[in-house]
Amino acid sequence: MTVSRLPVLSLLETRVLGVLCEKQHTVPDTYPLSLNALVAGCNQKTSRHPLIETGEAEVQAALDALKGPALVIESSGGRVTRYAHNMGKALRLPTQSIALLAVLMLRGPQTPGELRIHSERLHRFADLSAVEAFLQELAERPEGPLVAELPRQPGARENRWAHLLSGTPDIEAAPAPAAGPGDPPGMSEIAAIQANVARLEAEIDTLKELVGILYEELGVQH
C-alpha cells in the first residue's frame, strides 16, 4: 500500500487508530477491542489532545471508513465483534514508527523528548537520537511522508513534530508550550516532570480500563 492510496483521515479516525495502537500494549488481554471499549478510549480524558466526546454510531462509522484502506481489521467470535489496527502491514511500518504515530494521533504535535516519554508504554526508545532517527525515517518515506517537523514556536527550545495522516497540520490550532515566570527549567528537569505526569496518567488509564473491563464482563452499562 502506498500513501497515494491512503485517504485523508478525520480527527475521529486518527483517534480510533491511536486508541487501537495504544490499547494493544496497555491492555493486551482485552485486545482486539470491542466497540464499547473503543468508544471509552476515544473519550478518555487523560493522554489526549484534543479531548472529544463521541458515541458508538460515530466510532462505528470511523471503523468502517478505516477498513477500506485496511488500516483496521474486524474479528468475530464470542459475544461481540472486536477490532484491531493493521498499520504495520498496511503502511509497512515497524513497531517503533507505529508507536510514534499513535502518540502523535492521541496527543497532537510534540517534541522528540515528549514523544520518547509518552511512547514508553508502547515502545521504550533507548535514547533521544533513536526517536529522531525514526521520525526522520517517517518523514522521508519513498511512498510519501507520514510526519513533518513544524516551525519552531516563539520561546520554544525544540521543534515539534506532527503526523500527516489528516493532511497538512493546522499549526495555529496546535497547543503551544506554556511559558513560565523566570528562567525556563532545564531539559532534565522538564523530562523528569513529564515522566512523573506520564506515569500518573498511565496509572489512571489502567484503573479506568480495568473498571471498563469489569463493567463489560458484568454486562453493566456505564
N, C-alpha and C. Protein backbone atom coordinates (compact mmCIF):
# COMPACT_ATOMS: atom_id res chain seq x y z
N MET A 1 0.84 -1.19 0.00
CA MET A 1 0.00 0.00 0.00
C MET A 1 0.87 1.24 0.00
N THR A 2 0.56 2.21 -0.82
CA THR A 2 1.31 3.45 -0.88
C THR A 2 0.49 4.57 -0.31
N VAL A 3 1.18 5.64 0.06
CA VAL A 3 0.49 6.77 0.68
C VAL A 3 -0.49 7.42 -0.28
N SER A 4 -0.30 7.29 -1.60
CA SER A 4 -1.21 7.88 -2.57
C SER A 4 -2.59 7.25 -2.49
N ARG A 5 -2.68 6.00 -2.00
CA ARG A 5 -3.95 5.32 -1.85
C ARG A 5 -4.55 5.53 -0.48
N LEU A 6 -3.83 6.20 0.39
CA LEU A 6 -4.30 6.44 1.74
C LEU A 6 -5.14 7.70 1.79
N PRO A 7 -6.41 7.61 2.19
CA PRO A 7 -7.25 8.81 2.26
C PRO A 7 -6.83 9.72 3.40
N VAL A 8 -7.25 10.98 3.30
CA VAL A 8 -7.03 11.91 4.41
C VAL A 8 -8.00 11.54 5.52
N LEU A 9 -7.47 11.27 6.69
CA LEU A 9 -8.28 10.78 7.79
C LEU A 9 -8.83 11.93 8.63
N SER A 10 -10.00 11.72 9.19
CA SER A 10 -10.60 12.71 10.09
C SER A 10 -9.97 12.59 11.47
N LEU A 11 -10.27 13.56 12.33
CA LEU A 11 -9.77 13.52 13.71
C LEU A 11 -10.23 12.25 14.41
N LEU A 12 -11.51 11.89 14.24
CA LEU A 12 -12.02 10.71 14.92
C LEU A 12 -11.36 9.44 14.38
N GLU A 13 -11.11 9.39 13.08
CA GLU A 13 -10.46 8.22 12.51
C GLU A 13 -9.04 8.05 13.04
N THR A 14 -8.30 9.16 13.16
CA THR A 14 -6.95 9.05 13.73
C THR A 14 -7.02 8.71 15.21
N ARG A 15 -8.04 9.21 15.91
CA ARG A 15 -8.20 8.88 17.32
C ARG A 15 -8.47 7.38 17.49
N VAL A 16 -9.31 6.83 16.63
CA VAL A 16 -9.61 5.40 16.69
C VAL A 16 -8.34 4.59 16.45
N LEU A 17 -7.57 4.95 15.44
CA LEU A 17 -6.32 4.25 15.17
C LEU A 17 -5.35 4.36 16.35
N GLY A 18 -5.23 5.56 16.89
CA GLY A 18 -4.32 5.76 18.02
C GLY A 18 -4.72 4.94 19.23
N VAL A 19 -6.02 4.88 19.51
CA VAL A 19 -6.50 4.11 20.65
C VAL A 19 -6.21 2.62 20.45
N LEU A 20 -6.45 2.12 19.25
CA LEU A 20 -6.18 0.70 18.98
C LEU A 20 -4.69 0.38 19.16
N CYS A 21 -3.84 1.27 18.67
CA CYS A 21 -2.39 1.06 18.84
C CYS A 21 -2.00 1.08 20.31
N GLU A 22 -2.56 2.03 21.06
CA GLU A 22 -2.23 2.17 22.47
C GLU A 22 -2.70 0.97 23.28
N LYS A 23 -3.97 0.59 23.11
CA LYS A 23 -4.54 -0.47 23.95
C LYS A 23 -3.96 -1.84 23.62
N GLN A 24 -3.41 -2.00 22.42
CA GLN A 24 -2.73 -3.25 22.09
C GLN A 24 -1.61 -3.54 23.10
N HIS A 25 -1.00 -2.47 23.60
CA HIS A 25 0.12 -2.63 24.54
C HIS A 25 -0.30 -2.47 26.00
N THR A 26 -1.28 -1.59 26.26
CA THR A 26 -1.63 -1.32 27.66
C THR A 26 -2.64 -2.31 28.23
N VAL A 27 -3.51 -2.85 27.39
CA VAL A 27 -4.48 -3.87 27.86
C VAL A 27 -4.49 -5.04 26.87
N PRO A 28 -3.37 -5.74 26.73
CA PRO A 28 -3.28 -6.81 25.73
C PRO A 28 -4.28 -7.94 25.96
N ASP A 29 -4.71 -8.16 27.20
CA ASP A 29 -5.64 -9.25 27.49
C ASP A 29 -7.03 -9.01 26.90
N THR A 30 -7.38 -7.75 26.63
CA THR A 30 -8.70 -7.44 26.08
C THR A 30 -8.61 -6.92 24.65
N TYR A 31 -7.45 -7.08 24.04
CA TYR A 31 -7.23 -6.63 22.66
C TYR A 31 -7.34 -7.83 21.74
N PRO A 32 -7.99 -7.70 20.58
CA PRO A 32 -8.65 -6.55 19.97
C PRO A 32 -9.80 -6.00 20.82
N LEU A 33 -10.18 -4.76 20.52
CA LEU A 33 -11.14 -4.05 21.36
C LEU A 33 -12.56 -4.20 20.84
N SER A 34 -13.50 -4.24 21.77
CA SER A 34 -14.91 -4.14 21.43
C SER A 34 -15.24 -2.70 21.08
N LEU A 35 -16.39 -2.49 20.45
CA LEU A 35 -16.81 -1.13 20.12
C LEU A 35 -16.97 -0.29 21.38
N ASN A 36 -17.51 -0.88 22.43
CA ASN A 36 -17.72 -0.16 23.68
C ASN A 36 -16.40 0.30 24.28
N ALA A 37 -15.40 -0.58 24.28
CA ALA A 37 -14.09 -0.23 24.83
C ALA A 37 -13.40 0.82 23.97
N LEU A 38 -13.61 0.75 22.68
CA LEU A 38 -13.01 1.72 21.77
C LEU A 38 -13.61 3.10 21.96
N VAL A 39 -14.92 3.18 22.16
CA VAL A 39 -15.57 4.47 22.44
C VAL A 39 -15.01 5.07 23.72
N ALA A 40 -14.85 4.24 24.74
CA ALA A 40 -14.30 4.74 26.02
C ALA A 40 -12.88 5.26 25.82
N GLY A 41 -12.08 4.57 25.02
CA GLY A 41 -10.72 5.03 24.75
C GLY A 41 -10.68 6.34 23.99
N CYS A 42 -11.62 6.52 23.07
CA CYS A 42 -11.67 7.77 22.30
C CYS A 42 -12.08 8.95 23.19
N ASN A 43 -12.96 8.69 24.14
CA ASN A 43 -13.46 9.75 25.03
C ASN A 43 -12.62 9.95 26.28
N GLN A 44 -11.53 9.22 26.38
CA GLN A 44 -10.66 9.30 27.56
C GLN A 44 -10.20 10.74 27.82
N LYS A 45 -10.13 11.11 29.07
CA LYS A 45 -9.81 12.49 29.44
C LYS A 45 -8.33 12.70 29.74
N THR A 46 -7.55 11.64 29.83
CA THR A 46 -6.11 11.76 30.05
C THR A 46 -5.37 11.28 28.82
N SER A 47 -4.18 11.82 28.60
CA SER A 47 -3.31 11.43 27.48
C SER A 47 -3.96 11.68 26.13
N ARG A 48 -4.81 12.70 26.04
CA ARG A 48 -5.50 13.01 24.80
C ARG A 48 -5.48 14.51 24.52
N HIS A 49 -5.26 14.86 23.26
CA HIS A 49 -5.44 16.25 22.80
C HIS A 49 -5.77 16.22 21.31
N PRO A 50 -6.89 16.84 20.92
CA PRO A 50 -7.88 17.48 21.80
C PRO A 50 -8.79 16.43 22.45
N LEU A 51 -9.48 16.84 23.51
CA LEU A 51 -10.48 15.97 24.11
C LEU A 51 -11.70 15.93 23.21
N ILE A 52 -12.31 14.77 23.07
CA ILE A 52 -13.51 14.66 22.25
C ILE A 52 -14.57 13.89 23.03
N GLU A 53 -15.79 13.99 22.58
CA GLU A 53 -16.92 13.23 23.13
C GLU A 53 -17.67 12.64 21.94
N THR A 54 -17.59 11.35 21.80
CA THR A 54 -18.19 10.69 20.66
C THR A 54 -19.02 9.51 21.12
N GLY A 55 -19.80 8.93 20.20
CA GLY A 55 -20.67 7.82 20.54
C GLY A 55 -20.41 6.61 19.66
N GLU A 56 -21.16 5.55 19.90
CA GLU A 56 -20.94 4.30 19.19
C GLU A 56 -21.17 4.43 17.69
N ALA A 57 -22.21 5.18 17.29
CA ALA A 57 -22.50 5.31 15.86
C ALA A 57 -21.37 6.00 15.12
N GLU A 58 -20.80 7.06 15.72
CA GLU A 58 -19.70 7.78 15.07
C GLU A 58 -18.44 6.93 15.00
N VAL A 59 -18.14 6.21 16.07
CA VAL A 59 -16.95 5.36 16.08
C VAL A 59 -17.11 4.21 15.10
N GLN A 60 -18.32 3.65 15.02
CA GLN A 60 -18.56 2.57 14.05
C GLN A 60 -18.36 3.07 12.63
N ALA A 61 -18.82 4.29 12.34
CA ALA A 61 -18.62 4.87 11.01
C ALA A 61 -17.13 5.07 10.71
N ALA A 62 -16.38 5.49 11.72
CA ALA A 62 -14.94 5.67 11.55
C ALA A 62 -14.26 4.32 11.29
N LEU A 63 -14.68 3.29 12.01
CA LEU A 63 -14.13 1.95 11.79
C LEU A 63 -14.42 1.46 10.38
N ASP A 64 -15.63 1.68 9.92
CA ASP A 64 -16.00 1.25 8.56
C ASP A 64 -15.14 1.96 7.52
N ALA A 65 -14.86 3.27 7.75
CA ALA A 65 -14.02 4.02 6.83
C ALA A 65 -12.59 3.50 6.84
N LEU A 66 -12.10 3.13 8.01
CA LEU A 66 -10.72 2.66 8.15
C LEU A 66 -10.52 1.25 7.61
N LYS A 67 -11.61 0.49 7.51
CA LYS A 67 -11.50 -0.86 6.95
C LYS A 67 -11.24 -0.82 5.45
N GLY A 68 -11.66 0.27 4.79
CA GLY A 68 -11.43 0.39 3.35
C GLY A 68 -9.97 0.33 2.96
N PRO A 69 -9.11 1.18 3.54
CA PRO A 69 -7.67 1.14 3.25
C PRO A 69 -6.93 0.09 4.08
N ALA A 70 -7.67 -0.82 4.73
CA ALA A 70 -7.09 -1.92 5.51
C ALA A 70 -6.28 -1.45 6.71
N LEU A 71 -6.61 -0.29 7.26
CA LEU A 71 -5.93 0.20 8.46
C LEU A 71 -6.50 -0.45 9.72
N VAL A 72 -7.73 -0.98 9.62
CA VAL A 72 -8.38 -1.66 10.72
C VAL A 72 -8.94 -2.98 10.21
N ILE A 73 -8.82 -4.02 11.04
CA ILE A 73 -9.40 -5.31 10.69
C ILE A 73 -10.39 -5.72 11.77
N GLU A 74 -11.42 -6.45 11.36
CA GLU A 74 -12.50 -6.86 12.25
C GLU A 74 -12.40 -8.35 12.51
N SER A 75 -12.62 -8.74 13.75
CA SER A 75 -12.60 -10.15 14.10
C SER A 75 -13.90 -10.51 14.80
N SER A 76 -14.47 -11.63 14.41
CA SER A 76 -15.71 -12.08 15.04
C SER A 76 -15.41 -13.27 15.93
N GLY A 77 -16.39 -13.64 16.70
CA GLY A 77 -16.18 -14.72 17.66
C GLY A 77 -16.52 -14.23 19.05
N GLY A 78 -17.10 -15.10 19.85
CA GLY A 78 -17.54 -14.65 21.16
C GLY A 78 -18.84 -13.88 21.04
N ARG A 79 -19.11 -13.05 22.02
CA ARG A 79 -20.37 -12.33 22.05
C ARG A 79 -20.33 -11.02 21.28
N VAL A 80 -19.15 -10.43 21.13
CA VAL A 80 -19.07 -9.11 20.49
C VAL A 80 -18.01 -9.11 19.39
N THR A 81 -18.22 -8.21 18.41
CA THR A 81 -17.22 -8.00 17.36
C THR A 81 -16.08 -7.18 17.93
N ARG A 82 -14.87 -7.50 17.52
CA ARG A 82 -13.69 -6.79 18.04
C ARG A 82 -12.87 -6.25 16.88
N TYR A 83 -12.07 -5.22 17.19
CA TYR A 83 -11.34 -4.51 16.16
C TYR A 83 -9.87 -4.35 16.56
N ALA A 84 -9.00 -4.43 15.54
CA ALA A 84 -7.56 -4.26 15.74
C ALA A 84 -7.02 -3.38 14.62
N HIS A 85 -5.93 -2.68 14.89
CA HIS A 85 -5.30 -1.88 13.84
C HIS A 85 -4.43 -2.79 12.98
N ASN A 86 -4.16 -2.34 11.77
CA ASN A 86 -3.35 -3.10 10.82
C ASN A 86 -2.28 -2.20 10.20
N MET A 87 -1.81 -1.23 10.99
CA MET A 87 -0.90 -0.22 10.44
C MET A 87 0.44 -0.80 10.00
N GLY A 88 0.90 -1.82 10.72
CA GLY A 88 2.19 -2.40 10.37
C GLY A 88 2.20 -2.96 8.96
N LYS A 89 1.16 -3.72 8.61
CA LYS A 89 1.08 -4.32 7.28
C LYS A 89 0.62 -3.31 6.24
N ALA A 90 -0.39 -2.52 6.58
CA ALA A 90 -0.97 -1.59 5.60
C ALA A 90 0.02 -0.53 5.16
N LEU A 91 0.84 -0.04 6.10
CA LEU A 91 1.79 1.03 5.79
C LEU A 91 3.24 0.55 5.80
N ARG A 92 3.43 -0.74 6.06
CA ARG A 92 4.78 -1.32 6.10
C ARG A 92 5.67 -0.55 7.08
N LEU A 93 5.22 -0.53 8.34
CA LEU A 93 5.93 0.23 9.37
C LEU A 93 6.38 -0.69 10.50
N PRO A 94 7.55 -0.40 11.09
CA PRO A 94 7.99 -1.15 12.26
C PRO A 94 7.25 -0.68 13.52
N THR A 95 7.39 -1.46 14.57
CA THR A 95 6.72 -1.14 15.84
C THR A 95 7.08 0.25 16.35
N GLN A 96 8.35 0.64 16.20
CA GLN A 96 8.80 1.94 16.70
C GLN A 96 8.04 3.09 16.02
N SER A 97 7.89 3.00 14.71
CA SER A 97 7.20 4.05 13.97
C SER A 97 5.72 4.09 14.30
N ILE A 98 5.12 2.92 14.49
CA ILE A 98 3.70 2.88 14.86
C ILE A 98 3.49 3.54 16.22
N ALA A 99 4.41 3.29 17.15
CA ALA A 99 4.29 3.90 18.48
C ALA A 99 4.33 5.42 18.39
N LEU A 100 5.26 5.96 17.60
CA LEU A 100 5.36 7.42 17.46
C LEU A 100 4.11 8.00 16.80
N LEU A 101 3.62 7.35 15.75
CA LEU A 101 2.41 7.84 15.09
C LEU A 101 1.22 7.80 16.03
N ALA A 102 1.12 6.73 16.81
CA ALA A 102 -0.01 6.60 17.74
C ALA A 102 -0.02 7.74 18.75
N VAL A 103 1.14 8.05 19.31
CA VAL A 103 1.21 9.12 20.30
C VAL A 103 0.90 10.47 19.66
N LEU A 104 1.35 10.68 18.44
CA LEU A 104 1.03 11.93 17.73
C LEU A 104 -0.46 12.02 17.45
N MET A 105 -1.09 10.90 17.11
CA MET A 105 -2.53 10.91 16.85
C MET A 105 -3.33 11.13 18.12
N LEU A 106 -2.82 10.66 19.25
CA LEU A 106 -3.55 10.77 20.50
C LEU A 106 -3.33 12.10 21.21
N ARG A 107 -2.13 12.68 21.07
CA ARG A 107 -1.76 13.85 21.87
C ARG A 107 -1.45 15.09 21.05
N GLY A 108 -1.42 15.00 19.74
CA GLY A 108 -1.09 16.16 18.92
C GLY A 108 0.41 16.37 18.79
N PRO A 109 0.84 17.48 18.18
CA PRO A 109 2.26 17.74 17.93
C PRO A 109 3.09 17.74 19.21
N GLN A 110 4.28 17.15 19.13
CA GLN A 110 5.17 17.05 20.29
C GLN A 110 6.63 17.09 19.86
N THR A 111 7.48 17.41 20.82
CA THR A 111 8.92 17.39 20.58
C THR A 111 9.41 15.95 20.67
N PRO A 112 10.60 15.65 20.14
CA PRO A 112 11.15 14.30 20.27
C PRO A 112 11.25 13.85 21.73
N GLY A 113 11.61 14.77 22.63
CA GLY A 113 11.69 14.41 24.04
C GLY A 113 10.34 14.02 24.61
N GLU A 114 9.31 14.76 24.26
CA GLU A 114 7.96 14.42 24.73
C GLU A 114 7.50 13.09 24.14
N LEU A 115 7.82 12.87 22.88
CA LEU A 115 7.44 11.62 22.25
C LEU A 115 8.10 10.42 22.91
N ARG A 116 9.36 10.58 23.29
CA ARG A 116 10.06 9.48 23.95
C ARG A 116 9.38 9.11 25.26
N ILE A 117 8.99 10.13 26.03
CA ILE A 117 8.33 9.90 27.31
C ILE A 117 6.94 9.30 27.12
N HIS A 118 6.16 9.89 26.23
CA HIS A 118 4.76 9.49 26.09
C HIS A 118 4.60 8.15 25.37
N SER A 119 5.60 7.70 24.66
CA SER A 119 5.50 6.42 23.95
C SER A 119 6.09 5.26 24.74
N GLU A 120 6.49 5.51 25.98
CA GLU A 120 7.22 4.50 26.75
C GLU A 120 6.42 3.21 26.92
N ARG A 121 5.10 3.32 27.07
CA ARG A 121 4.29 2.11 27.26
C ARG A 121 4.07 1.35 25.95
N LEU A 122 4.31 2.02 24.82
CA LEU A 122 4.13 1.38 23.53
C LEU A 122 5.45 0.83 23.00
N HIS A 123 6.51 1.61 23.18
CA HIS A 123 7.86 1.16 22.83
C HIS A 123 8.85 2.01 23.61
N ARG A 124 9.81 1.36 24.22
CA ARG A 124 10.81 2.09 25.01
C ARG A 124 12.03 2.37 24.14
N PHE A 125 12.19 3.64 23.77
CA PHE A 125 13.34 4.04 22.96
C PHE A 125 14.58 4.19 23.84
N ALA A 126 15.70 3.75 23.32
CA ALA A 126 16.94 3.77 24.10
C ALA A 126 17.38 5.18 24.44
N ASP A 127 17.22 6.10 23.50
CA ASP A 127 17.64 7.48 23.73
C ASP A 127 16.91 8.39 22.74
N LEU A 128 17.17 9.68 22.86
CA LEU A 128 16.50 10.67 22.02
C LEU A 128 16.89 10.52 20.56
N SER A 129 18.12 10.14 20.29
CA SER A 129 18.56 10.00 18.91
C SER A 129 17.79 8.90 18.19
N ALA A 130 17.37 7.89 18.93
CA ALA A 130 16.57 6.82 18.31
C ALA A 130 15.20 7.35 17.88
N VAL A 131 14.60 8.17 18.73
CA VAL A 131 13.32 8.79 18.37
C VAL A 131 13.48 9.64 17.12
N GLU A 132 14.52 10.47 17.11
CA GLU A 132 14.75 11.37 15.98
C GLU A 132 15.01 10.59 14.69
N ALA A 133 15.70 9.46 14.81
CA ALA A 133 16.00 8.65 13.62
C ALA A 133 14.72 8.08 13.01
N PHE A 134 13.82 7.60 13.84
CA PHE A 134 12.56 7.05 13.32
C PHE A 134 11.65 8.16 12.79
N LEU A 135 11.70 9.33 13.41
CA LEU A 135 10.92 10.46 12.87
C LEU A 135 11.43 10.84 11.48
N GLN A 136 12.74 10.90 11.32
CA GLN A 136 13.31 11.21 10.01
C GLN A 136 12.93 10.15 8.98
N GLU A 137 12.92 8.92 9.41
CA GLU A 137 12.54 7.83 8.51
C GLU A 137 11.09 7.97 8.05
N LEU A 138 10.21 8.34 8.99
CA LEU A 138 8.81 8.55 8.64
C LEU A 138 8.63 9.76 7.72
N ALA A 139 9.47 10.76 7.92
CA ALA A 139 9.37 11.99 7.13
C ALA A 139 9.93 11.82 5.72
N GLU A 140 10.78 10.82 5.53
CA GLU A 140 11.47 10.65 4.24
C GLU A 140 11.07 9.37 3.53
N ARG A 141 9.91 8.82 3.86
CA ARG A 141 9.46 7.59 3.21
C ARG A 141 9.31 7.79 1.71
N PRO A 142 9.81 6.86 0.89
CA PRO A 142 9.66 6.98 -0.56
C PRO A 142 8.20 7.04 -1.00
N GLU A 143 7.32 6.36 -0.25
CA GLU A 143 5.89 6.36 -0.60
C GLU A 143 5.21 7.68 -0.27
N GLY A 144 5.86 8.50 0.53
CA GLY A 144 5.28 9.76 0.97
C GLY A 144 5.44 9.92 2.47
N PRO A 145 5.68 11.13 2.96
CA PRO A 145 5.91 11.35 4.40
C PRO A 145 4.66 11.12 5.23
N LEU A 146 4.86 10.61 6.43
CA LEU A 146 3.76 10.43 7.38
C LEU A 146 3.87 11.37 8.57
N VAL A 147 5.01 12.05 8.72
CA VAL A 147 5.17 13.07 9.76
C VAL A 147 5.92 14.26 9.16
N ALA A 148 5.83 15.39 9.85
CA ALA A 148 6.56 16.59 9.41
C ALA A 148 7.01 17.37 10.64
N GLU A 149 8.16 18.01 10.52
CA GLU A 149 8.67 18.85 11.58
C GLU A 149 8.06 20.23 11.43
N LEU A 150 7.48 20.75 12.50
CA LEU A 150 6.81 22.05 12.46
C LEU A 150 7.79 23.18 12.72
N PRO A 151 7.49 24.38 12.23
CA PRO A 151 8.34 25.54 12.55
C PRO A 151 8.39 25.77 14.06
N ARG A 152 9.54 26.19 14.53
CA ARG A 152 9.70 26.41 15.97
C ARG A 152 8.84 27.58 16.43
N GLN A 153 8.14 27.40 17.52
CA GLN A 153 7.28 28.46 18.04
C GLN A 153 8.10 29.44 18.88
N PRO A 154 7.62 30.70 18.98
CA PRO A 154 8.34 31.69 19.79
C PRO A 154 8.52 31.21 21.23
N GLY A 155 9.75 31.31 21.72
CA GLY A 155 10.04 30.90 23.08
C GLY A 155 10.31 29.43 23.27
N ALA A 156 10.12 28.63 22.22
CA ALA A 156 10.33 27.19 22.34
C ALA A 156 11.80 26.85 22.09
N ARG A 157 12.29 25.81 22.77
CA ARG A 157 13.66 25.38 22.60
C ARG A 157 13.81 24.29 21.54
N GLU A 158 12.72 23.56 21.30
CA GLU A 158 12.77 22.45 20.36
C GLU A 158 11.63 22.55 19.35
N ASN A 159 11.85 21.98 18.19
CA ASN A 159 10.78 21.87 17.21
C ASN A 159 9.88 20.69 17.57
N ARG A 160 8.62 20.85 17.22
CA ARG A 160 7.67 19.76 17.41
C ARG A 160 7.42 19.04 16.09
N TRP A 161 6.90 17.83 16.20
CA TRP A 161 6.56 17.03 15.04
C TRP A 161 5.07 16.74 15.05
N ALA A 162 4.49 16.58 13.86
CA ALA A 162 3.06 16.26 13.74
C ALA A 162 2.89 15.17 12.69
N HIS A 163 1.83 14.37 12.84
CA HIS A 163 1.54 13.36 11.82
C HIS A 163 0.83 14.01 10.64
N LEU A 164 0.89 13.35 9.48
CA LEU A 164 0.29 13.88 8.25
C LEU A 164 -0.88 13.02 7.77
N LEU A 165 -1.38 12.14 8.61
CA LEU A 165 -2.48 11.27 8.20
C LEU A 165 -3.77 12.05 7.97
N SER A 166 -3.86 13.24 8.54
CA SER A 166 -5.03 14.10 8.33
C SER A 166 -4.70 15.28 7.43
N GLY A 167 -3.64 15.15 6.64
CA GLY A 167 -3.21 16.24 5.77
C GLY A 167 -2.26 17.18 6.48
N THR A 168 -2.07 18.36 5.91
CA THR A 168 -1.16 19.34 6.49
C THR A 168 -1.68 19.80 7.85
N PRO A 169 -0.88 19.72 8.91
CA PRO A 169 -1.36 20.09 10.24
C PRO A 169 -1.67 21.58 10.34
N ASP A 170 -2.67 21.89 11.16
CA ASP A 170 -3.03 23.27 11.43
C ASP A 170 -2.13 23.77 12.55
N ILE A 171 -1.11 24.53 12.19
CA ILE A 171 -0.12 24.98 13.16
C ILE A 171 -0.75 25.88 14.21
N GLU A 172 -1.70 26.72 13.79
CA GLU A 172 -2.32 27.66 14.72
C GLU A 172 -3.12 26.92 15.79
N ALA A 173 -3.70 25.76 15.41
CA ALA A 173 -4.54 25.03 16.36
C ALA A 173 -3.74 24.17 17.30
N ALA A 174 -2.47 23.96 16.97
CA ALA A 174 -1.64 23.09 17.80
C ALA A 174 -1.32 23.77 19.11
N PRO A 175 -1.34 23.04 20.24
CA PRO A 175 -1.08 23.66 21.55
C PRO A 175 0.36 24.15 21.64
N ALA A 176 0.52 25.36 22.12
CA ALA A 176 1.86 25.93 22.28
C ALA A 176 2.41 25.59 23.64
N PRO A 177 3.72 25.49 23.78
CA PRO A 177 4.29 25.20 25.09
C PRO A 177 4.03 26.35 26.05
N ALA A 178 3.73 25.98 27.30
CA ALA A 178 3.40 27.00 28.29
C ALA A 178 4.65 27.74 28.73
N ALA A 179 4.53 29.05 28.88
CA ALA A 179 5.65 29.87 29.33
C ALA A 179 5.52 30.11 30.82
N GLY A 180 6.59 29.90 31.54
CA GLY A 180 6.56 30.10 32.98
C GLY A 180 7.35 31.33 33.37
N PRO A 181 7.18 31.84 34.59
CA PRO A 181 7.93 33.01 35.03
C PRO A 181 9.39 32.69 35.26
N GLY A 182 10.24 33.68 35.07
CA GLY A 182 11.68 33.49 35.33
C GLY A 182 12.35 32.69 34.25
N ASP A 183 13.51 32.18 34.58
CA ASP A 183 14.25 31.38 33.61
C ASP A 183 13.57 30.05 33.39
N PRO A 184 13.56 29.55 32.17
CA PRO A 184 12.93 28.25 31.91
C PRO A 184 13.74 27.14 32.56
N PRO A 185 13.06 26.08 33.02
CA PRO A 185 13.79 24.97 33.66
C PRO A 185 14.63 24.23 32.64
N GLY A 186 15.65 23.52 33.12
CA GLY A 186 16.50 22.74 32.24
C GLY A 186 15.75 21.57 31.66
N MET A 187 16.31 21.01 30.58
CA MET A 187 15.65 19.92 29.90
C MET A 187 15.53 18.68 30.80
N SER A 188 16.52 18.43 31.64
CA SER A 188 16.44 17.26 32.51
C SER A 188 15.30 17.41 33.51
N GLU A 189 15.10 18.63 34.01
CA GLU A 189 14.00 18.87 34.95
C GLU A 189 12.65 18.70 34.26
N ILE A 190 12.55 19.23 33.05
CA ILE A 190 11.31 19.09 32.29
C ILE A 190 11.02 17.61 32.04
N ALA A 191 12.04 16.88 31.64
CA ALA A 191 11.86 15.46 31.35
C ALA A 191 11.40 14.70 32.59
N ALA A 192 11.96 15.04 33.75
CA ALA A 192 11.58 14.37 34.99
C ALA A 192 10.12 14.66 35.34
N ILE A 193 9.70 15.91 35.19
CA ILE A 193 8.31 16.29 35.47
C ILE A 193 7.37 15.57 34.52
N GLN A 194 7.72 15.57 33.22
CA GLN A 194 6.87 14.92 32.24
C GLN A 194 6.79 13.41 32.49
N ALA A 195 7.91 12.82 32.91
CA ALA A 195 7.90 11.39 33.18
C ALA A 195 6.97 11.07 34.35
N ASN A 196 7.00 11.92 35.39
CA ASN A 196 6.11 11.71 36.54
C ASN A 196 4.65 11.85 36.14
N VAL A 197 4.35 12.87 35.34
CA VAL A 197 2.98 13.07 34.87
C VAL A 197 2.54 11.88 34.02
N ALA A 198 3.42 11.43 33.14
CA ALA A 198 3.09 10.30 32.27
C ALA A 198 2.79 9.05 33.08
N ARG A 199 3.60 8.82 34.15
CA ARG A 199 3.37 7.64 34.99
C ARG A 199 2.02 7.73 35.70
N LEU A 200 1.69 8.93 36.21
CA LEU A 200 0.41 9.11 36.89
C LEU A 200 -0.75 8.91 35.92
N GLU A 201 -0.61 9.47 34.71
CA GLU A 201 -1.66 9.29 33.72
C GLU A 201 -1.82 7.82 33.36
N ALA A 202 -0.71 7.12 33.25
CA ALA A 202 -0.76 5.70 32.91
C ALA A 202 -1.50 4.91 33.99
N GLU A 203 -1.23 5.24 35.26
CA GLU A 203 -1.90 4.55 36.35
C GLU A 203 -3.40 4.82 36.32
N ILE A 204 -3.79 6.06 36.05
CA ILE A 204 -5.21 6.41 35.97
C ILE A 204 -5.86 5.66 34.81
N ASP A 205 -5.18 5.66 33.66
CA ASP A 205 -5.72 4.98 32.48
C ASP A 205 -5.92 3.49 32.76
N THR A 206 -4.93 2.87 33.41
CA THR A 206 -5.03 1.44 33.70
C THR A 206 -6.22 1.14 34.61
N LEU A 207 -6.41 1.97 35.64
CA LEU A 207 -7.54 1.78 36.54
C LEU A 207 -8.87 1.94 35.80
N LYS A 208 -8.96 2.94 34.93
CA LYS A 208 -10.19 3.14 34.17
C LYS A 208 -10.45 1.97 33.23
N GLU A 209 -9.37 1.47 32.62
CA GLU A 209 -9.52 0.34 31.71
C GLU A 209 -10.02 -0.90 32.46
N LEU A 210 -9.47 -1.14 33.66
CA LEU A 210 -9.89 -2.29 34.45
C LEU A 210 -11.35 -2.18 34.85
N VAL A 211 -11.77 -0.99 35.24
CA VAL A 211 -13.18 -0.77 35.59
C VAL A 211 -14.06 -1.01 34.37
N GLY A 212 -13.64 -0.51 33.20
CA GLY A 212 -14.40 -0.72 31.99
C GLY A 212 -14.53 -2.18 31.62
N ILE A 213 -13.44 -2.93 31.82
CA ILE A 213 -13.47 -4.36 31.54
C ILE A 213 -14.46 -5.07 32.46
N LEU A 214 -14.45 -4.69 33.75
CA LEU A 214 -15.38 -5.29 34.71
C LEU A 214 -16.82 -4.99 34.33
N TYR A 215 -17.09 -3.75 33.95
CA TYR A 215 -18.45 -3.38 33.51
C TYR A 215 -18.87 -4.23 32.33
N GLU A 216 -17.95 -4.39 31.37
CA GLU A 216 -18.28 -5.13 30.15
C GLU A 216 -18.54 -6.60 30.46
N GLU A 217 -17.71 -7.19 31.32
CA GLU A 217 -17.87 -8.60 31.65
C GLU A 217 -19.16 -8.84 32.44
N LEU A 218 -19.56 -7.85 33.26
CA LEU A 218 -20.77 -7.99 34.05
C LEU A 218 -22.02 -7.58 33.27
N GLY A 219 -21.81 -7.00 32.07
CA GLY A 219 -22.93 -6.54 31.27
C GLY A 219 -23.61 -5.32 31.83
N VAL A 220 -22.85 -4.51 32.56
CA VAL A 220 -23.40 -3.29 33.18
C VAL A 220 -23.08 -2.09 32.31
N GLN A 221 -24.10 -1.26 32.05
CA GLN A 221 -23.90 -0.03 31.29
C GLN A 221 -23.28 1.03 32.19
N HIS A 222 -22.33 1.80 31.64
CA HIS A 222 -21.69 2.87 32.43
C HIS A 222 -21.45 4.08 31.55
